[in-house]
Amino acid sequence: MLLNVRREACLLPYNTLGLAAHAEALLEASSIEQLQEAVKQGWFAGPDPAYLLGGGSNIVMRSSKLGRVVKVGLLGRVIEVLDDGHALVRAAAGEPWHPFVMWTLGQGWDGLENLALIPGTLGATPVQNIGAYGVEIKDVLDHVKVMDRITGQTTTLTRDECAFGYRDSIFKRPQGQHWVIVEVAMRLKRGAEPRYAYADLQTELNQAGITAPNALEVAQAVIRIRQRKLPDPAQLGNVGSFFKNPLIDQPEATALLRKYPKLPAWPAPQAAGFAPQVKISAAWMIDQCGWKGYRKGDAGVHTQHALVIVNHAKASGQQIADLAQAIQRDVEQRFGVHLEAEPVIW
């Protein structure tokens, strides 16, 4: 099978940070068969296996010269109506996420409205267990279809087998990194009760005079909030929130809040068999360290949101990574808390 491979390919259009990296070889795969052929041709073998690329919205290309890169560009959407109130919606990994969300709402199937305007592709959503405004992808995911990048065989993983956590899944751990997600299936409802208890979302709806919103109205409110808070990657390179909100044990949180009573904190969902944890605001700590609005060269921190690292024009991936590490060191030195980066750093 002939594969669509480009040599010395510019990756600038393939990452939302706008980093001017190049790939020794870029394979754009539009089918499972092409991915399987890539396995046969050894793209994922050896000491330097190919990088996997989706929408490029959660990637920091630290090196300007990369080896082999496989862009997963599989497209397709299918709705399987289960009964009057439920449907299984399956979509290929390369489908852009936000248009897919709005399409499901247009078809009358609710459940993804809180996740509107998140950049990237469907294949990346389970990896990160994307979440916003009180909803995570695990809340609606039924299963994922995956391909083994070693054997080329495909199989299905249930939601439980994905081992979801806060911005985490089996796909980010060593035991799951041999999988390539090729399809995502979600169980959606018709006329589901929208979830809008999140404070910012409730305020946005109240200001619009909406007291009993439907799913589309929730999605539109989420879009307005995100457009105000987060820069458009087409105008200012970024990957959205660069750091996770840390989860810390209750005793540590109590001590930290005693010292910093204004630190925003929320109880985290408690997993069976584990001690209670508290989620604390990474943005607040970064802001307190004076990083919001910082700029050195073309690498900086957004003026409106301390969690967003931006590329003003021609910052290198190394400069972005160095800035992130400096923020991590500063926060850890002052608060004793380690910030974990959300994006994957190549």
C-alpha atoms as a PDB file:
ATOM      1  CA  MET A   1       0.000   0.000   0.000  1.00  0.00           C
ATOM      2  CA  LEU A   2       1.304   3.433  -0.963  1.00  0.00           C
ATOM      3  CA  LEU A   3       1.513   5.776   2.019  1.00  0.00           C
ATOM      4  CA  ASN A   4       1.192   9.554   1.891  1.00  0.00           C
ATOM      5  CA  VAL A   5       4.659  10.494   3.187  1.00  0.00           C
ATOM      6  CA  ARG A   6       6.344  13.882   2.938  1.00  0.00           C
ATOM      7  CA  ARG A   7      10.043  14.349   3.606  1.00  0.00           C
ATOM      8  CA  GLU A   8      11.401  17.328   5.549  1.00  0.00           C
ATOM      9  CA  ALA A   9       7.841  18.418   6.275  1.00  0.00           C
ATOM     10  CA  CYS A  10       7.133  21.734   7.983  1.00  0.00           C
ATOM     11  CA  LEU A  11       5.041  21.177  11.125  1.00  0.00           C
ATOM     12  CA  LEU A  12       4.129  24.823  11.681  1.00  0.00           C
ATOM     13  CA  PRO A  13       0.520  24.309  10.476  1.00  0.00           C
ATOM     14  CA  TYR A  14       0.177  21.195  12.647  1.00  0.00           C
ATOM     15  CA  ASN A  15       0.621  22.687  16.142  1.00  0.00           C
ATOM     16  CA  THR A  16      -1.419  25.424  17.814  1.00  0.00           C
ATOM     17  CA  LEU A  17       1.628  26.894  19.575  1.00  0.00           C
ATOM     18  CA  GLY A  18       2.891  27.924  16.146  1.00  0.00           C
ATOM     19  CA  LEU A  19       6.305  26.324  16.570  1.00  0.00           C
ATOM     20  CA  ALA A  20       8.456  26.136  13.448  1.00  0.00           C
ATOM     21  CA  ALA A  21       9.508  22.495  13.693  1.00  0.00           C
ATOM     22  CA  HIS A  22      10.260  20.061  10.862  1.00  0.00           C
ATOM     23  CA  ALA A  23       9.761  16.313  10.575  1.00  0.00           C
ATOM     24  CA  GLU A  24      12.224  14.096   8.780  1.00  0.00           C
ATOM     25  CA  ALA A  25       9.171  12.231   7.472  1.00  0.00           C
ATOM     26  CA  LEU A  26       5.465  13.023   7.950  1.00  0.00           C
ATOM     27  CA  LEU A  27       2.859  10.339   7.287  1.00  0.00           C
ATOM     28  CA  GLU A  28      -0.743  11.505   7.020  1.00  0.00           C
ATOM     29  CA  ALA A  29      -2.893   8.431   7.669  1.00  0.00           C
ATOM     30  CA  SER A  30      -6.545   8.596   6.624  1.00  0.00           C
ATOM     31  CA  SER A  31      -7.523   4.982   7.376  1.00  0.00           C
ATOM     32  CA  ILE A  32      -6.850   2.164   9.807  1.00  0.00           C
ATOM     33  CA  GLU A  33      -5.348   0.202   6.902  1.00  0.00           C
ATOM     34  CA  GLN A  34      -2.760   2.934   6.366  1.00  0.00           C
ATOM     35  CA  LEU A  35      -1.863   2.885  10.059  1.00  0.00           C
ATOM     36  CA  GLN A  36      -1.502  -0.893   9.879  1.00  0.00           C
ATOM     37  CA  GLU A  37       0.739  -0.538   6.836  1.00  0.00           C
ATOM     38  CA  ALA A  38       2.843   1.948   8.810  1.00  0.00           C
ATOM     39  CA  VAL A  39       3.234  -0.740  11.484  1.00  0.00           C
ATOM     40  CA  LYS A  40       4.418  -3.219   8.834  1.00  0.00           C
ATOM     41  CA  GLN A  41       6.905  -0.683   7.506  1.00  0.00           C
ATOM     42  CA  GLY A  42       8.380  -0.153  10.965  1.00  0.00           C
ATOM     43  CA  TRP A  43       7.229   3.388  11.686  1.00  0.00           C
ATOM     44  CA  PHE A  44       6.591   2.566  15.345  1.00  0.00           C
ATOM     45  CA  ALA A  45       9.528   0.198  15.847  1.00  0.00           C
ATOM     46  CA  GLY A  46      13.075   0.740  17.013  1.00  0.00           C
ATOM     47  CA  PRO A  47      14.588   3.165  19.521  1.00  0.00           C
ATOM     48  CA  ASP A  48      12.982   6.225  17.868  1.00  0.00           C
ATOM     49  CA  PRO A  49       9.362   5.337  17.044  1.00  0.00           C
ATOM     50  CA  ALA A  50       7.204   7.848  15.219  1.00  0.00           C
ATOM     51  CA  TYR A  51       5.442  10.568  17.166  1.00  0.00           C
ATOM     52  CA  LEU A  52       1.627  10.504  17.013  1.00  0.00           C
ATOM     53  CA  LEU A  53      -0.054  13.758  16.053  1.00  0.00           C
ATOM     54  CA  GLY A  54      -3.732  14.662  16.191  1.00  0.00           C
ATOM     55  CA  GLY A  55      -4.823  18.297  16.133  1.00  0.00           C
ATOM     56  CA  GLY A  56      -1.526  19.499  17.587  1.00  0.00           C
ATOM     57  CA  SER A  57      -3.331  21.433  20.342  1.00  0.00           C
ATOM     58  CA  ASN A  58      -1.697  19.574  23.220  1.00  0.00           C
ATOM     59  CA  ILE A  59       1.873  19.270  21.924  1.00  0.00           C
ATOM     60  CA  VAL A  60       5.040  21.247  22.607  1.00  0.00           C
ATOM     61  CA  MET A  61       7.637  20.479  19.938  1.00  0.00           C
ATOM     62  CA  ARG A  62      10.719  21.306  22.013  1.00  0.00           C
ATOM     63  CA  SER A  63      13.064  20.224  19.236  1.00  0.00           C
ATOM     64  CA  SER A  64      12.915  22.035  15.910  1.00  0.00           C
ATOM     65  CA  LYS A  65      14.036  18.865  14.116  1.00  0.00           C
ATOM     66  CA  LEU A  66      11.978  15.728  14.669  1.00  0.00           C
ATOM     67  CA  GLY A  67      12.232  12.265  13.174  1.00  0.00           C
ATOM     68  CA  ARG A  68       9.125  10.459  11.948  1.00  0.00           C
ATOM     69  CA  VAL A  69       5.642  11.821  12.683  1.00  0.00           C
ATOM     70  CA  VAL A  70       2.310  10.112  12.004  1.00  0.00           C
ATOM     71  CA  LYS A  71      -0.717  12.390  11.739  1.00  0.00           C
ATOM     72  CA  VAL A  72      -3.904  10.469  12.512  1.00  0.00           C
ATOM     73  CA  GLY A  73      -6.429  11.924  10.078  1.00  0.00           C
ATOM     74  CA  LEU A  74      -9.224   9.309  10.091  1.00  0.00           C
ATOM     75  CA  LEU A  75     -12.658  10.854   9.469  1.00  0.00           C
ATOM     76  CA  GLY A  76     -16.252   9.654   9.821  1.00  0.00           C
ATOM     77  CA  ARG A  77     -19.308   9.907  12.101  1.00  0.00           C
ATOM     78  CA  VAL A  78     -22.086   7.399  12.794  1.00  0.00           C
ATOM     79  CA  ILE A  79     -25.174   7.642  15.030  1.00  0.00           C
ATOM     80  CA  GLU A  80     -26.667   4.379  16.289  1.00  0.00           C
ATOM     81  CA  VAL A  81     -30.012   5.104  17.934  1.00  0.00           C
ATOM     82  CA  LEU A  82     -30.472   2.732  20.862  1.00  0.00           C
ATOM     83  CA  ASP A  83     -33.963   3.856  21.890  1.00  0.00           C
ATOM     84  CA  ASP A  84     -36.038   7.043  21.968  1.00  0.00           C
ATOM     85  CA  GLY A  85     -33.764   8.653  24.527  1.00  0.00           C
ATOM     86  CA  HIS A  86     -30.272   7.316  23.889  1.00  0.00           C
ATOM     87  CA  ALA A  87     -27.793   6.969  21.051  1.00  0.00           C
ATOM     88  CA  LEU A  88     -24.302   5.602  20.590  1.00  0.00           C
ATOM     89  CA  VAL A  89     -22.361   8.152  18.554  1.00  0.00           C
ATOM     90  CA  ARG A  90     -19.139   6.870  17.032  1.00  0.00           C
ATOM     91  CA  ALA A  91     -16.562   9.058  15.329  1.00  0.00           C
ATOM     92  CA  ALA A  92     -13.104   8.550  13.857  1.00  0.00           C
ATOM     93  CA  ALA A  93     -10.059   9.816  15.723  1.00  0.00           C
ATOM     94  CA  GLY A  94      -9.201  12.556  13.240  1.00  0.00           C
ATOM     95  CA  GLU A  95     -12.542  14.362  13.487  1.00  0.00           C
ATOM     96  CA  PRO A  96     -12.110  17.926  14.832  1.00  0.00           C
ATOM     97  CA  TRP A  97     -13.628  18.023  18.317  1.00  0.00           C
ATOM     98  CA  HIS A  98     -15.589  21.297  18.463  1.00  0.00           C
ATOM     99  CA  PRO A  99     -17.408  20.850  15.121  1.00  0.00           C
ATOM    100  CA  PHE A 100     -18.288  17.334  16.276  1.00  0.00           C
ATOM    101  CA  VAL A 101     -19.759  18.666  19.536  1.00  0.00           C
ATOM    102  CA  MET A 102     -21.934  21.169  17.685  1.00  0.00           C
ATOM    103  CA  TRP A 103     -22.980  18.498  15.182  1.00  0.00           C
ATOM    104  CA  THR A 104     -24.199  16.165  17.954  1.00  0.00           C
ATOM    105  CA  LEU A 105     -26.231  19.007  19.470  1.00  0.00           C
ATOM    106  CA  GLY A 106     -27.665  19.811  16.044  1.00  0.00           C
ATOM    107  CA  GLN A 107     -28.727  16.164  15.724  1.00  0.00           C
ATOM    108  CA  GLY A 108     -30.561  16.442  19.050  1.00  0.00           C
ATOM    109  CA  TRP A 109     -28.140  14.403  21.162  1.00  0.00           C
ATOM    110  CA  ASP A 110     -26.975  16.098  24.356  1.00  0.00           C
ATOM    111  CA  GLY A 111     -24.089  15.517  26.734  1.00  0.00           C
ATOM    112  CA  LEU A 112     -21.073  17.252  25.170  1.00  0.00           C
ATOM    113  CA  GLU A 113     -22.232  20.860  25.501  1.00  0.00           C
ATOM    114  CA  ASN A 114     -19.930  21.711  28.419  1.00  0.00           C
ATOM    115  CA  LEU A 115     -16.939  20.609  26.316  1.00  0.00           C
ATOM    116  CA  ALA A 116     -17.580  23.018  23.427  1.00  0.00           C
ATOM    117  CA  LEU A 117     -14.701  24.974  21.841  1.00  0.00           C
ATOM    118  CA  ILE A 118     -11.972  22.724  23.213  1.00  0.00           C
ATOM    119  CA  PRO A 119      -9.390  22.457  20.415  1.00  0.00           C
ATOM    120  CA  GLY A 120      -8.027  19.197  19.042  1.00  0.00           C
ATOM    121  CA  THR A 121      -9.386  15.979  17.595  1.00  0.00           C
ATOM    122  CA  LEU A 122     -11.571  13.179  18.947  1.00  0.00           C
ATOM    123  CA  GLY A 123      -8.680  10.756  19.265  1.00  0.00           C
ATOM    124  CA  ALA A 124      -7.020  12.998  21.836  1.00  0.00           C
ATOM    125  CA  THR A 125     -10.082  13.435  24.061  1.00  0.00           C
ATOM    126  CA  PRO A 126      -9.781  10.127  25.981  1.00  0.00           C
ATOM    127  CA  VAL A 127      -5.987  10.434  26.294  1.00  0.00           C
ATOM    128  CA  GLN A 128      -6.313  13.641  28.285  1.00  0.00           C
ATOM    129  CA  ASN A 129      -9.784  12.866  29.681  1.00  0.00           C
ATOM    130  CA  ILE A 130     -10.663  16.394  28.622  1.00  0.00           C
ATOM    131  CA  GLY A 131     -12.939  18.290  30.943  1.00  0.00           C
ATOM    132  CA  ALA A 132     -14.560  21.678  31.413  1.00  0.00           C
ATOM    133  CA  TYR A 133     -17.307  23.261  33.490  1.00  0.00           C
ATOM    134  CA  GLY A 134     -18.066  20.189  35.572  1.00  0.00           C
ATOM    135  CA  VAL A 135     -17.999  17.557  32.798  1.00  0.00           C
ATOM    136  CA  GLU A 136     -15.258  15.168  31.636  1.00  0.00           C
ATOM    137  CA  ILE A 137     -15.187  12.938  28.571  1.00  0.00           C
ATOM    138  CA  LYS A 138     -15.342   9.866  30.835  1.00  0.00           C
ATOM    139  CA  ASP A 139     -18.874  10.923  31.818  1.00  0.00           C
ATOM    140  CA  VAL A 140     -20.196  10.119  28.339  1.00  0.00           C
ATOM    141  CA  LEU A 141     -17.619   7.767  26.821  1.00  0.00           C
ATOM    142  CA  ASP A 142     -18.799   4.220  26.093  1.00  0.00           C
ATOM    143  CA  HIS A 143     -15.689   2.681  24.527  1.00  0.00           C
ATOM    144  CA  VAL A 144     -12.738   3.375  22.258  1.00  0.00           C
ATOM    145  CA  LYS A 145     -11.411   1.391  19.327  1.00  0.00           C
ATOM    146  CA  VAL A 146      -7.630   1.144  19.379  1.00  0.00           C
ATOM    147  CA  MET A 147      -4.843  -0.261  17.231  1.00  0.00           C
ATOM    148  CA  ASP A 148      -1.742  -1.864  18.692  1.00  0.00           C
ATOM    149  CA  ARG A 149       1.193   0.020  17.204  1.00  0.00           C
ATOM    150  CA  ILE A 150       3.384  -3.073  17.588  1.00  0.00           C
ATOM    151  CA  THR A 151       1.135  -5.723  15.991  1.00  0.00           C
ATOM    152  CA  GLY A 152      -1.334  -3.611  14.013  1.00  0.00           C
ATOM    153  CA  GLN A 153      -4.271  -5.492  15.546  1.00  0.00           C
ATOM    154  CA  THR A 154      -7.395  -3.603  16.615  1.00  0.00           C
ATOM    155  CA  THR A 155      -9.477  -4.089  19.730  1.00  0.00           C
ATOM    156  CA  THR A 156     -12.010  -2.262  21.899  1.00  0.00           C
ATOM    157  CA  LEU A 157     -11.427  -0.816  25.355  1.00  0.00           C
ATOM    158  CA  THR A 158     -14.357  -0.084  27.657  1.00  0.00           C
ATOM    159  CA  ARG A 159     -14.582   3.074  29.716  1.00  0.00           C
ATOM    160  CA  ASP A 160     -13.354   1.220  32.801  1.00  0.00           C
ATOM    161  CA  GLU A 161     -10.404  -0.202  30.869  1.00  0.00           C
ATOM    162  CA  CYS A 162      -9.388   3.348  29.946  1.00  0.00           C
ATOM    163  CA  ALA A 163      -8.650   3.918  33.685  1.00  0.00           C
ATOM    164  CA  PHE A 164      -9.607   7.572  33.637  1.00  0.00           C
ATOM    165  CA  GLY A 165      -8.344  10.081  36.189  1.00  0.00           C
ATOM    166  CA  TYR A 166      -8.063  13.859  36.374  1.00  0.00           C
ATOM    167  CA  ARG A 167      -6.600  14.804  32.940  1.00  0.00           C
ATOM    168  CA  ASP A 168      -5.287  11.262  32.866  1.00  0.00           C
ATOM    169  CA  SER A 169      -5.932   7.850  31.333  1.00  0.00           C
ATOM    170  CA  ILE A 170      -4.218   4.551  30.583  1.00  0.00           C
ATOM    171  CA  PHE A 171      -3.029   6.104  27.299  1.00  0.00           C
ATOM    172  CA  LYS A 172      -0.668   8.402  29.213  1.00  0.00           C
ATOM    173  CA  ARG A 173       0.862   5.540  31.186  1.00  0.00           C
ATOM    174  CA  PRO A 174       3.496   3.022  30.046  1.00  0.00           C
ATOM    175  CA  GLN A 175       1.012   0.128  29.872  1.00  0.00           C
ATOM    176  CA  GLY A 176      -1.232   2.021  27.439  1.00  0.00           C
ATOM    177  CA  GLN A 177       1.202   3.866  25.221  1.00  0.00           C
ATOM    178  CA  HIS A 178       1.283   1.085  22.615  1.00  0.00           C
ATOM    179  CA  TRP A 179      -2.321   1.901  21.689  1.00  0.00           C
ATOM    180  CA  VAL A 180      -3.338   4.244  18.885  1.00  0.00           C
ATOM    181  CA  ILE A 181      -6.925   5.469  19.273  1.00  0.00           C
ATOM    182  CA  VAL A 182      -8.755   5.159  15.942  1.00  0.00           C
ATOM    183  CA  GLU A 183     -12.393   5.651  17.005  1.00  0.00           C
ATOM    184  CA  VAL A 184     -14.291   7.023  19.994  1.00  0.00           C
ATOM    185  CA  ALA A 185     -17.852   6.017  20.929  1.00  0.00           C
ATOM    186  CA  MET A 186     -20.019   8.133  23.231  1.00  0.00           C
ATOM    187  CA  ARG A 187     -23.414   7.426  24.772  1.00  0.00           C
ATOM    188  CA  LEU A 188     -25.523  10.571  24.448  1.00  0.00           C
ATOM    189  CA  LYS A 189     -29.097  11.421  25.456  1.00  0.00           C
ATOM    190  CA  ARG A 190     -31.974  13.281  23.876  1.00  0.00           C
ATOM    191  CA  GLY A 191     -33.245  16.116  26.043  1.00  0.00           C
ATOM    192  CA  ALA A 192     -30.792  15.406  28.846  1.00  0.00           C
ATOM    193  CA  GLU A 193     -30.801  17.702  31.870  1.00  0.00           C
ATOM    194  CA  PRO A 194     -27.953  20.188  31.272  1.00  0.00           C
ATOM    195  CA  ARG A 195     -25.244  20.585  33.897  1.00  0.00           C
ATOM    196  CA  TYR A 196     -24.514  24.230  34.643  1.00  0.00           C
ATOM    197  CA  ALA A 197     -23.762  24.379  38.375  1.00  0.00           C
ATOM    198  CA  TYR A 198     -20.194  25.536  37.672  1.00  0.00           C
ATOM    199  CA  ALA A 199     -20.017  29.121  38.995  1.00  0.00           C
ATOM    200  CA  ASP A 200     -18.698  30.851  35.857  1.00  0.00           C
ATOM    201  CA  LEU A 201     -21.220  29.067  33.684  1.00  0.00           C
ATOM    202  CA  GLN A 202     -24.122  29.895  35.955  1.00  0.00           C
ATOM    203  CA  THR A 203     -23.104  33.551  36.002  1.00  0.00           C
ATOM    204  CA  GLU A 204     -22.843  33.659  32.211  1.00  0.00           C
ATOM    205  CA  LEU A 205     -26.319  32.162  31.807  1.00  0.00           C
ATOM    206  CA  ASN A 206     -27.827  34.483  34.420  1.00  0.00           C
ATOM    207  CA  GLN A 207     -26.365  37.522  32.666  1.00  0.00           C
ATOM    208  CA  ALA A 208     -27.996  36.311  29.452  1.00  0.00           C
ATOM    209  CA  GLY A 209     -31.327  36.041  31.290  1.00  0.00           C
ATOM    210  CA  ILE A 210     -31.435  32.261  30.888  1.00  0.00           C
ATOM    211  CA  THR A 211     -32.659  30.428  33.997  1.00  0.00           C
ATOM    212  CA  ALA A 212     -33.531  27.036  32.514  1.00  0.00           C
ATOM    213  CA  PRO A 213     -31.046  26.495  29.649  1.00  0.00           C
ATOM    214  CA  ASN A 214     -31.151  23.747  27.081  1.00  0.00           C
ATOM    215  CA  ALA A 215     -27.979  21.988  25.939  1.00  0.00           C
ATOM    216  CA  LEU A 216     -27.341  24.348  23.024  1.00  0.00           C
ATOM    217  CA  GLU A 217     -27.664  27.400  25.274  1.00  0.00           C
ATOM    218  CA  VAL A 218     -25.129  25.852  27.663  1.00  0.00           C
ATOM    219  CA  ALA A 219     -22.741  25.238  24.754  1.00  0.00           C
ATOM    220  CA  GLN A 220     -23.137  28.828  23.548  1.00  0.00           C
ATOM    221  CA  ALA A 221     -22.436  30.141  27.063  1.00  0.00           C
ATOM    222  CA  VAL A 222     -19.331  27.940  27.322  1.00  0.00           C
ATOM    223  CA  ILE A 223     -18.133  29.265  23.949  1.00  0.00           C
ATOM    224  CA  ARG A 224     -18.540  32.879  25.080  1.00  0.00           C
ATOM    225  CA  ILE A 225     -16.620  32.239  28.320  1.00  0.00           C
ATOM    226  CA  ARG A 226     -13.769  30.432  26.565  1.00  0.00           C
ATOM    227  CA  GLN A 227     -13.505  33.130  23.895  1.00  0.00           C
ATOM    228  CA  ARG A 228     -13.155  35.781  26.606  1.00  0.00           C
ATOM    229  CA  LYS A 229     -10.712  33.862  28.785  1.00  0.00           C
ATOM    230  CA  LEU A 230      -8.490  32.059  26.303  1.00  0.00           C
ATOM    231  CA  PRO A 231      -6.632  33.455  23.291  1.00  0.00           C
ATOM    232  CA  ASP A 232      -7.489  32.142  19.832  1.00  0.00           C
ATOM    233  CA  PRO A 233      -4.532  29.961  18.714  1.00  0.00           C
ATOM    234  CA  ALA A 234      -4.946  31.361  15.205  1.00  0.00           C
ATOM    235  CA  GLN A 235      -4.114  34.802  16.617  1.00  0.00           C
ATOM    236  CA  LEU A 236      -1.753  33.924  19.487  1.00  0.00           C
ATOM    237  CA  GLY A 237      -0.069  30.527  19.647  1.00  0.00           C
ATOM    238  CA  ASN A 238      -1.024  28.472  22.725  1.00  0.00           C
ATOM    239  CA  VAL A 239      -2.166  25.040  23.919  1.00  0.00           C
ATOM    240  CA  GLY A 240      -4.806  26.296  26.360  1.00  0.00           C
ATOM    241  CA  SER A 241      -4.146  25.553  30.020  1.00  0.00           C
ATOM    242  CA  PHE A 242      -0.503  24.544  30.274  1.00  0.00           C
ATOM    243  CA  PHE A 243      -0.631  23.109  33.806  1.00  0.00           C
ATOM    244  CA  LYS A 244      -3.016  20.863  35.697  1.00  0.00           C
ATOM    245  CA  ASN A 245      -4.626  22.055  38.910  1.00  0.00           C
ATOM    246  CA  PRO A 246      -2.659  20.035  41.502  1.00  0.00           C
ATOM    247  CA  LEU A 247      -4.351  17.366  43.613  1.00  0.00           C
ATOM    248  CA  ILE A 248      -2.925  17.262  47.141  1.00  0.00           C
ATOM    249  CA  ASP A 249      -3.749  15.310  50.286  1.00  0.00           C
ATOM    250  CA  GLN A 250      -6.136  16.857  52.803  1.00  0.00           C
ATOM    251  CA  PRO A 251      -3.513  17.504  55.556  1.00  0.00           C
ATOM    252  CA  GLU A 252      -1.228  19.259  53.056  1.00  0.00           C
ATOM    253  CA  ALA A 253      -4.166  21.324  51.778  1.00  0.00           C
ATOM    254  CA  THR A 254      -5.163  22.323  55.320  1.00  0.00           C
ATOM    255  CA  ALA A 255      -1.644  23.539  56.077  1.00  0.00           C
ATOM    256  CA  LEU A 256      -1.370  25.384  52.746  1.00  0.00           C
ATOM    257  CA  LEU A 257      -4.750  27.095  53.154  1.00  0.00           C
ATOM    258  CA  ARG A 258      -3.844  28.151  56.667  1.00  0.00           C
ATOM    259  CA  LYS A 259      -0.830  29.941  55.199  1.00  0.00           C
ATOM    260  CA  TYR A 260      -2.596  31.150  52.036  1.00  0.00           C
ATOM    261  CA  PRO A 261      -6.316  31.502  52.883  1.00  0.00           C
ATOM    262  CA  LYS A 262      -7.135  33.095  49.498  1.00  0.00           C
ATOM    263  CA  LEU A 263      -5.864  30.061  47.545  1.00  0.00           C
ATOM    264  CA  PRO A 264      -8.895  28.661  45.642  1.00  0.00           C
ATOM    265  CA  ALA A 265      -9.445  25.002  46.541  1.00  0.00           C
ATOM    266  CA  TRP A 266     -12.119  22.402  45.841  1.00  0.00           C
ATOM    267  CA  PRO A 267     -12.755  18.879  47.132  1.00  0.00           C
ATOM    268  CA  ALA A 268     -11.663  16.332  44.538  1.00  0.00           C
ATOM    269  CA  PRO A 269     -13.658  13.177  43.716  1.00  0.00           C
ATOM    270  CA  GLN A 270     -12.512  10.463  46.103  1.00  0.00           C
ATOM    271  CA  ALA A 271     -11.460   7.154  44.583  1.00  0.00           C
ATOM    272  CA  ALA A 272     -12.282   4.012  46.524  1.00  0.00           C
ATOM    273  CA  GLY A 273      -9.495   3.041  48.878  1.00  0.00           C
ATOM    274  CA  PHE A 274      -7.683   6.372  48.618  1.00  0.00           C
ATOM    275  CA  ALA A 275      -7.445   9.224  51.112  1.00  0.00           C
ATOM    276  CA  PRO A 276      -9.425  12.409  50.370  1.00  0.00           C
ATOM    277  CA  GLN A 277      -7.689  14.906  48.128  1.00  0.00           C
ATOM    278  CA  VAL A 278      -8.123  18.604  47.402  1.00  0.00           C
ATOM    279  CA  LYS A 279      -7.719  20.351  44.046  1.00  0.00           C
ATOM    280  CA  ILE A 280      -5.973  23.721  44.268  1.00  0.00           C
ATOM    281  CA  SER A 281      -5.667  26.494  41.704  1.00  0.00           C
ATOM    282  CA  ALA A 282      -2.503  26.436  39.619  1.00  0.00           C
ATOM    283  CA  ALA A 283      -3.454  29.769  38.026  1.00  0.00           C
ATOM    284  CA  TRP A 284      -3.650  31.516  41.427  1.00  0.00           C
ATOM    285  CA  MET A 285      -0.222  30.281  42.492  1.00  0.00           C
ATOM    286  CA  ILE A 286       1.349  31.246  39.148  1.00  0.00           C
ATOM    287  CA  ASP A 287      -0.257  34.678  39.396  1.00  0.00           C
ATOM    288  CA  GLN A 288       1.000  35.133  42.960  1.00  0.00           C
ATOM    289  CA  CYS A 289       4.522  34.391  41.718  1.00  0.00           C
ATOM    290  CA  GLY A 290       4.185  37.302  39.290  1.00  0.00           C
ATOM    291  CA  TRP A 291       4.172  35.345  36.025  1.00  0.00           C
ATOM    292  CA  LYS A 292       0.897  36.557  34.492  1.00  0.00           C
ATOM    293  CA  GLY A 293       1.713  38.853  31.574  1.00  0.00           C
ATOM    294  CA  TYR A 294       5.415  37.930  31.669  1.00  0.00           C
ATOM    295  CA  ARG A 295       7.297  37.957  28.368  1.00  0.00           C
ATOM    296  CA  LYS A 296      10.861  37.180  27.392  1.00  0.00           C
ATOM    297  CA  GLY A 297      11.420  37.392  23.669  1.00  0.00           C
ATOM    298  CA  ASP A 298       8.390  35.793  22.047  1.00  0.00           C
ATOM    299  CA  ALA A 299       7.667  33.298  24.858  1.00  0.00           C
ATOM    300  CA  GLY A 300       5.287  34.559  27.509  1.00  0.00           C
ATOM    301  CA  VAL A 301       2.327  34.084  29.815  1.00  0.00           C
ATOM    302  CA  HIS A 302      -1.054  35.423  28.750  1.00  0.00           C
ATOM    303  CA  THR A 303      -2.089  38.732  30.290  1.00  0.00           C
ATOM    304  CA  GLN A 304      -5.586  37.470  31.122  1.00  0.00           C
ATOM    305  CA  HIS A 305      -4.918  33.890  32.219  1.00  0.00           C
ATOM    306  CA  ALA A 306      -1.859  32.746  34.156  1.00  0.00           C
ATOM    307  CA  LEU A 307      -2.318  29.121  33.064  1.00  0.00           C
ATOM    308  CA  VAL A 308      -1.786  29.934  29.401  1.00  0.00           C
ATOM    309  CA  ILE A 309       1.744  30.055  27.988  1.00  0.00           C
ATOM    310  CA  VAL A 310       1.829  31.815  24.628  1.00  0.00           C
ATOM    311  CA  ASN A 311       4.039  32.194  21.568  1.00  0.00           C
ATOM    312  CA  HIS A 312       3.870  35.842  20.526  1.00  0.00           C
ATOM    313  CA  ALA A 313       5.459  35.151  17.150  1.00  0.00           C
ATOM    314  CA  LYS A 314       8.653  33.172  16.739  1.00  0.00           C
ATOM    315  CA  ALA A 315       9.413  31.552  20.094  1.00  0.00           C
ATOM    316  CA  SER A 316      11.136  28.179  19.843  1.00  0.00           C
ATOM    317  CA  GLY A 317       9.835  25.043  21.484  1.00  0.00           C
ATOM    318  CA  GLN A 318      12.861  25.071  23.781  1.00  0.00           C
ATOM    319  CA  GLN A 319      12.039  28.616  24.921  1.00  0.00           C
ATOM    320  CA  ILE A 320       8.452  27.580  25.686  1.00  0.00           C
ATOM    321  CA  ALA A 321       9.674  24.523  27.619  1.00  0.00           C
ATOM    322  CA  ASP A 322      12.238  26.605  29.517  1.00  0.00           C
ATOM    323  CA  LEU A 323       9.553  29.104  30.528  1.00  0.00           C
ATOM    324  CA  ALA A 324       7.291  26.299  31.758  1.00  0.00           C
ATOM    325  CA  GLN A 325      10.121  24.840  33.836  1.00  0.00           C
ATOM    326  CA  ALA A 326      10.912  28.242  35.352  1.00  0.00           C
ATOM    327  CA  ILE A 327       7.265  28.609  36.406  1.00  0.00           C
ATOM    328  CA  GLN A 328       7.297  25.109  37.897  1.00  0.00           C
ATOM    329  CA  ARG A 329      10.449  25.863  39.904  1.00  0.00           C
ATOM    330  CA  ASP A 330       9.068  29.159  41.178  1.00  0.00           C
ATOM    331  CA  VAL A 331       5.739  27.701  42.318  1.00  0.00           C
ATOM    332  CA  GLU A 332       7.424  24.716  43.972  1.00  0.00           C
ATOM    333  CA  GLN A 333       9.893  26.953  45.802  1.00  0.00           C
ATOM    334  CA  ARG A 334       7.162  29.255  47.116  1.00  0.00           C
ATOM    335  CA  PHE A 335       4.264  26.870  47.757  1.00  0.00           C
ATOM    336  CA  GLY A 336       5.941  23.465  47.939  1.00  0.00           C
ATOM    337  CA  VAL A 337       3.631  22.214  45.170  1.00  0.00           C
ATOM    338  CA  HIS A 338       4.763  20.665  41.879  1.00  0.00           C
ATOM    339  CA  LEU A 339       2.857  21.742  38.780  1.00  0.00           C
ATOM    340  CA  GLU A 340       2.386  19.040  36.160  1.00  0.00           C
ATOM    341  CA  ALA A 341       2.274  20.112  32.522  1.00  0.00           C
ATOM    342  CA  GLU A 342      -0.863  19.184  30.577  1.00  0.00           C
ATOM    343  CA  PRO A 343       0.628  19.092  27.062  1.00  0.00           C
ATOM    344  CA  VAL A 344       2.986  16.388  25.857  1.00  0.00           C
ATOM    345  CA  ILE A 345       6.503  17.734  25.358  1.00  0.00           C
ATOM    346  CA  TRP A 346       8.376  16.098  22.467  1.00  0.00           C
END
